[in-house]
Amino acid sequence: MEKAKEFLMVNDEASESASRLAVPPHLAGIDQILLEDIVLKGIRVDRVEPGLVVCSFKVPPRLADRAGGFATGAISFLVDEVGGTVINVEGLPRNVSVDMSISFLSAAKPDDELEITGSLLGQRGGYYGTLVLIRNKATGEVVAEGRHSLFGKRTSKL
């Protein structure tokens, strides 16, 4: 238990680092969260086709974990966002994540250039399955593979 408490303790360096974050004010009526600003800043969309989204992302130092690697929480957020973007339809509400399964296969670190590919695996009614691969562009290694299930109620037939 003491080891867990020690791990969760915030040290002075981490506290000071967090206090330097510039947090923009949340505007009423804007559906945006701070996490999107922190994680998605710098992502580039390279290609979009029906059922496919390909992005590039240079891992920023702000997304490093305590060991200096690309934080798994940030990777999970990217899988969620890119997986949802694959099936997003302009003008319709976003789909809701039902389940995500992520395999972390190799490490990435700040300044690594990544390719993120999201593809549609299938659809049945309002239920969708997507696959998100995060690959290191320099080495070709797969950093993470995520399977993402989403549900969205489309417009009524009435």
C-alpha atoms as a PDB file:
ATOM      1  CA  MET A   1       0.000   0.000   0.000  1.00  0.00           C
ATOM      2  CA  GLU A   2       2.844   2.376   0.827  1.00  0.00           C
ATOM      3  CA  LYS A   3       4.380   1.766  -2.597  1.00  0.00           C
ATOM      4  CA  ALA A   4       1.084   2.715  -4.256  1.00  0.00           C
ATOM      5  CA  LYS A   5       0.820   5.885  -2.145  1.00  0.00           C
ATOM      6  CA  GLU A   6       4.384   6.818  -3.058  1.00  0.00           C
ATOM      7  CA  PHE A   7       3.688   6.284  -6.770  1.00  0.00           C
ATOM      8  CA  LEU A   8       0.599   8.505  -6.634  1.00  0.00           C
ATOM      9  CA  MET A   9       2.337  11.287  -4.691  1.00  0.00           C
ATOM     10  CA  VAL A  10       2.758  14.470  -6.710  1.00  0.00           C
ATOM     11  CA  ASN A  11       6.308  15.775  -6.454  1.00  0.00           C
ATOM     12  CA  ASP A  12       7.284  19.452  -6.610  1.00  0.00           C
ATOM     13  CA  GLU A  13       8.485  19.191 -10.214  1.00  0.00           C
ATOM     14  CA  ALA A  14       5.180  17.690 -11.424  1.00  0.00           C
ATOM     15  CA  SER A  15       3.178  20.220  -9.421  1.00  0.00           C
ATOM     16  CA  GLU A  16       5.137  23.141 -10.877  1.00  0.00           C
ATOM     17  CA  SER A  17       4.839  21.709 -14.382  1.00  0.00           C
ATOM     18  CA  ALA A  18       1.049  21.440 -14.040  1.00  0.00           C
ATOM     19  CA  SER A  19       0.784  24.979 -12.679  1.00  0.00           C
ATOM     20  CA  ARG A  20       2.475  26.332 -15.842  1.00  0.00           C
ATOM     21  CA  LEU A  21      -0.212  24.883 -18.136  1.00  0.00           C
ATOM     22  CA  ALA A  22      -2.143  27.559 -19.994  1.00  0.00           C
ATOM     23  CA  VAL A  23      -5.781  26.515 -19.744  1.00  0.00           C
ATOM     24  CA  PRO A  24      -8.143  28.384 -22.063  1.00  0.00           C
ATOM     25  CA  PRO A  25     -11.511  29.275 -20.550  1.00  0.00           C
ATOM     26  CA  HIS A  26     -14.402  26.980 -21.445  1.00  0.00           C
ATOM     27  CA  LEU A  27     -16.910  28.894 -23.536  1.00  0.00           C
ATOM     28  CA  ALA A  28     -20.612  28.223 -22.993  1.00  0.00           C
ATOM     29  CA  GLY A  29     -22.166  26.325 -25.895  1.00  0.00           C
ATOM     30  CA  ILE A  30     -18.850  24.977 -27.165  1.00  0.00           C
ATOM     31  CA  ASP A  31     -18.608  21.186 -26.869  1.00  0.00           C
ATOM     32  CA  GLN A  32     -14.913  20.953 -26.158  1.00  0.00           C
ATOM     33  CA  ILE A  33     -12.849  19.556 -23.342  1.00  0.00           C
ATOM     34  CA  LEU A  34      -9.383  20.373 -22.063  1.00  0.00           C
ATOM     35  CA  LEU A  35      -8.111  16.892 -22.886  1.00  0.00           C
ATOM     36  CA  GLU A  36      -8.735  17.516 -26.585  1.00  0.00           C
ATOM     37  CA  ASP A  37      -6.601  20.668 -26.401  1.00  0.00           C
ATOM     38  CA  ILE A  38      -3.782  18.830 -24.650  1.00  0.00           C
ATOM     39  CA  VAL A  39      -3.669  15.597 -26.663  1.00  0.00           C
ATOM     40  CA  LEU A  40      -4.880  16.508 -30.154  1.00  0.00           C
ATOM     41  CA  LYS A  41      -2.840  19.685 -30.596  1.00  0.00           C
ATOM     42  CA  GLY A  42      -0.460  19.017 -33.478  1.00  0.00           C
ATOM     43  CA  ILE A  43      -2.250  16.089 -35.125  1.00  0.00           C
ATOM     44  CA  ARG A  44      -2.358  16.338 -38.933  1.00  0.00           C
ATOM     45  CA  VAL A  45      -4.994  14.647 -41.058  1.00  0.00           C
ATOM     46  CA  ASP A  46      -3.228  13.287 -44.145  1.00  0.00           C
ATOM     47  CA  ARG A  47      -6.007  11.332 -45.854  1.00  0.00           C
ATOM     48  CA  VAL A  48      -9.747  10.812 -45.467  1.00  0.00           C
ATOM     49  CA  GLU A  49     -11.862   8.323 -47.389  1.00  0.00           C
ATOM     50  CA  PRO A  50     -15.113   6.585 -46.483  1.00  0.00           C
ATOM     51  CA  GLY A  51     -14.172   4.211 -43.662  1.00  0.00           C
ATOM     52  CA  LEU A  52     -10.541   5.410 -43.466  1.00  0.00           C
ATOM     53  CA  VAL A  53      -8.653   8.219 -41.727  1.00  0.00           C
ATOM     54  CA  VAL A  54      -4.842   8.527 -41.826  1.00  0.00           C
ATOM     55  CA  CYS A  55      -3.076  11.040 -39.574  1.00  0.00           C
ATOM     56  CA  SER A  56       0.473  12.049 -38.643  1.00  0.00           C
ATOM     57  CA  PHE A  57       1.435  12.988 -35.116  1.00  0.00           C
ATOM     58  CA  LYS A  58       4.741  14.054 -33.599  1.00  0.00           C
ATOM     59  CA  VAL A  59       4.693  13.067 -29.920  1.00  0.00           C
ATOM     60  CA  PRO A  60       5.042  16.288 -27.918  1.00  0.00           C
ATOM     61  CA  PRO A  61       6.996  16.324 -24.630  1.00  0.00           C
ATOM     62  CA  ARG A  62       3.800  17.280 -22.754  1.00  0.00           C
ATOM     63  CA  LEU A  63       2.453  13.750 -23.403  1.00  0.00           C
ATOM     64  CA  ALA A  64       5.370  11.921 -21.789  1.00  0.00           C
ATOM     65  CA  ASP A  65       4.725   9.725 -18.777  1.00  0.00           C
ATOM     66  CA  ARG A  66       6.989   9.596 -15.723  1.00  0.00           C
ATOM     67  CA  ALA A  67       9.331   7.153 -17.457  1.00  0.00           C
ATOM     68  CA  GLY A  68       9.723   9.482 -20.456  1.00  0.00           C
ATOM     69  CA  GLY A  69       7.590   7.446 -22.873  1.00  0.00           C
ATOM     70  CA  PHE A  70       4.395   8.322 -24.731  1.00  0.00           C
ATOM     71  CA  ALA A  71       1.691   8.153 -22.041  1.00  0.00           C
ATOM     72  CA  THR A  72      -0.763   5.266 -22.453  1.00  0.00           C
ATOM     73  CA  GLY A  73      -3.643   7.563 -21.496  1.00  0.00           C
ATOM     74  CA  ALA A  74      -2.832   9.827 -24.439  1.00  0.00           C
ATOM     75  CA  ILE A  75      -2.616   6.801 -26.737  1.00  0.00           C
ATOM     76  CA  SER A  76      -6.031   5.657 -25.503  1.00  0.00           C
ATOM     77  CA  PHE A  77      -7.474   9.108 -26.174  1.00  0.00           C
ATOM     78  CA  LEU A  78      -6.099   9.023 -29.744  1.00  0.00           C
ATOM     79  CA  VAL A  79      -7.657   5.594 -30.334  1.00  0.00           C
ATOM     80  CA  ASP A  80     -10.996   6.944 -29.079  1.00  0.00           C
ATOM     81  CA  GLU A  81     -10.872  10.113 -31.195  1.00  0.00           C
ATOM     82  CA  VAL A  82      -9.550   8.596 -34.429  1.00  0.00           C
ATOM     83  CA  GLY A  83     -11.827   5.544 -34.108  1.00  0.00           C
ATOM     84  CA  GLY A  84     -14.823   7.844 -33.711  1.00  0.00           C
ATOM     85  CA  THR A  85     -13.727  10.076 -36.582  1.00  0.00           C
ATOM     86  CA  VAL A  86     -13.690   7.140 -39.008  1.00  0.00           C
ATOM     87  CA  ILE A  87     -17.477   6.838 -38.762  1.00  0.00           C
ATOM     88  CA  ASN A  88     -18.378  10.456 -38.040  1.00  0.00           C
ATOM     89  CA  VAL A  89     -20.972  11.967 -40.359  1.00  0.00           C
ATOM     90  CA  GLU A  90     -20.963  15.759 -40.728  1.00  0.00           C
ATOM     91  CA  GLY A  91     -24.093  17.301 -39.250  1.00  0.00           C
ATOM     92  CA  LEU A  92     -25.045  14.264 -37.144  1.00  0.00           C
ATOM     93  CA  PRO A  93     -24.316  13.752 -33.435  1.00  0.00           C
ATOM     94  CA  ARG A  94     -21.098  11.910 -32.590  1.00  0.00           C
ATOM     95  CA  ASN A  95     -21.345   8.213 -31.800  1.00  0.00           C
ATOM     96  CA  VAL A  96     -20.878   6.925 -28.263  1.00  0.00           C
ATOM     97  CA  SER A  97     -17.962   4.652 -27.376  1.00  0.00           C
ATOM     98  CA  VAL A  98     -19.201   1.271 -26.176  1.00  0.00           C
ATOM     99  CA  ASP A  99     -15.924  -0.602 -25.784  1.00  0.00           C
ATOM    100  CA  MET A 100     -12.220  -0.156 -26.465  1.00  0.00           C
ATOM    101  CA  SER A 101      -9.484  -2.743 -26.362  1.00  0.00           C
ATOM    102  CA  ILE A 102      -5.926  -1.489 -26.797  1.00  0.00           C
ATOM    103  CA  SER A 103      -2.740  -3.524 -27.119  1.00  0.00           C
ATOM    104  CA  PHE A 104       0.394  -1.523 -26.321  1.00  0.00           C
ATOM    105  CA  LEU A 105       3.048  -3.244 -28.440  1.00  0.00           C
ATOM    106  CA  SER A 106       6.124  -1.002 -28.398  1.00  0.00           C
ATOM    107  CA  ALA A 107       7.266   2.255 -26.874  1.00  0.00           C
ATOM    108  CA  ALA A 108       7.208   5.708 -28.416  1.00  0.00           C
ATOM    109  CA  LYS A 109       8.854   8.761 -26.931  1.00  0.00           C
ATOM    110  CA  PRO A 110       8.667  12.522 -27.360  1.00  0.00           C
ATOM    111  CA  ASP A 111       9.615  13.738 -30.848  1.00  0.00           C
ATOM    112  CA  ASP A 112       8.808  10.352 -32.462  1.00  0.00           C
ATOM    113  CA  GLU A 113       6.773  10.804 -35.634  1.00  0.00           C
ATOM    114  CA  LEU A 114       3.763   8.486 -35.692  1.00  0.00           C
ATOM    115  CA  GLU A 115       1.268   7.424 -38.332  1.00  0.00           C
ATOM    116  CA  ILE A 116      -2.237   6.831 -37.008  1.00  0.00           C
ATOM    117  CA  THR A 117      -4.580   4.867 -39.249  1.00  0.00           C
ATOM    118  CA  GLY A 118      -8.237   4.403 -38.385  1.00  0.00           C
ATOM    119  CA  SER A 119     -10.401   2.062 -40.442  1.00  0.00           C
ATOM    120  CA  LEU A 120     -13.950   0.766 -40.327  1.00  0.00           C
ATOM    121  CA  LEU A 121     -14.129  -2.953 -39.563  1.00  0.00           C
ATOM    122  CA  GLY A 122     -17.882  -3.241 -39.970  1.00  0.00           C
ATOM    123  CA  GLN A 123     -21.347  -2.009 -39.119  1.00  0.00           C
ATOM    124  CA  ARG A 124     -24.605  -3.588 -38.015  1.00  0.00           C
ATOM    125  CA  GLY A 125     -27.444  -1.133 -37.556  1.00  0.00           C
ATOM    126  CA  GLY A 126     -26.148   1.663 -35.346  1.00  0.00           C
ATOM    127  CA  TYR A 127     -23.237  -0.426 -34.027  1.00  0.00           C
ATOM    128  CA  TYR A 128     -19.792   0.151 -35.572  1.00  0.00           C
ATOM    129  CA  GLY A 129     -16.394  -1.447 -35.147  1.00  0.00           C
ATOM    130  CA  THR A 130     -13.181   0.395 -35.944  1.00  0.00           C
ATOM    131  CA  LEU A 131      -9.484  -0.468 -35.841  1.00  0.00           C
ATOM    132  CA  VAL A 132      -6.828   2.125 -35.012  1.00  0.00           C
ATOM    133  CA  LEU A 133      -3.139   1.380 -35.651  1.00  0.00           C
ATOM    134  CA  ILE A 134      -0.467   3.675 -34.268  1.00  0.00           C
ATOM    135  CA  ARG A 135       2.872   3.059 -35.986  1.00  0.00           C
ATOM    136  CA  ASN A 136       6.301   4.685 -35.583  1.00  0.00           C
ATOM    137  CA  LYS A 137       7.136   6.187 -38.998  1.00  0.00           C
ATOM    138  CA  ALA A 138      10.914   5.835 -38.568  1.00  0.00           C
ATOM    139  CA  THR A 139      11.026   2.214 -37.382  1.00  0.00           C
ATOM    140  CA  GLY A 140       7.755   0.839 -38.765  1.00  0.00           C
ATOM    141  CA  GLU A 141       6.987  -0.674 -35.340  1.00  0.00           C
ATOM    142  CA  VAL A 142       3.375  -0.783 -34.227  1.00  0.00           C
ATOM    143  CA  VAL A 143       3.162   1.233 -31.014  1.00  0.00           C
ATOM    144  CA  ALA A 144      -0.466   0.355 -30.294  1.00  0.00           C
ATOM    145  CA  GLU A 145      -3.449  -1.377 -31.862  1.00  0.00           C
ATOM    146  CA  GLY A 146      -6.909  -0.408 -30.715  1.00  0.00           C
ATOM    147  CA  ARG A 147     -10.288  -1.909 -31.462  1.00  0.00           C
ATOM    148  CA  HIS A 148     -13.091   0.512 -30.829  1.00  0.00           C
ATOM    149  CA  SER A 149     -16.818  -0.215 -30.772  1.00  0.00           C
ATOM    150  CA  LEU A 150     -19.287   2.641 -31.059  1.00  0.00           C
ATOM    151  CA  PHE A 151     -23.029   3.105 -31.180  1.00  0.00           C
ATOM    152  CA  GLY A 152     -24.986   5.893 -32.820  1.00  0.00           C
ATOM    153  CA  LYS A 153     -28.680   6.335 -33.305  1.00  0.00           C
ATOM    154  CA  ARG A 154     -29.250   7.743 -36.754  1.00  0.00           C
ATOM    155  CA  THR A 155     -32.188   9.828 -37.864  1.00  0.00           C
ATOM    156  CA  SER A 156     -35.644   8.350 -37.501  1.00  0.00           C
ATOM    157  CA  LYS A 157     -37.443   6.891 -40.512  1.00  0.00           C
ATOM    158  CA  LEU A 158     -40.683   8.548 -39.432  1.00  0.00           C
END
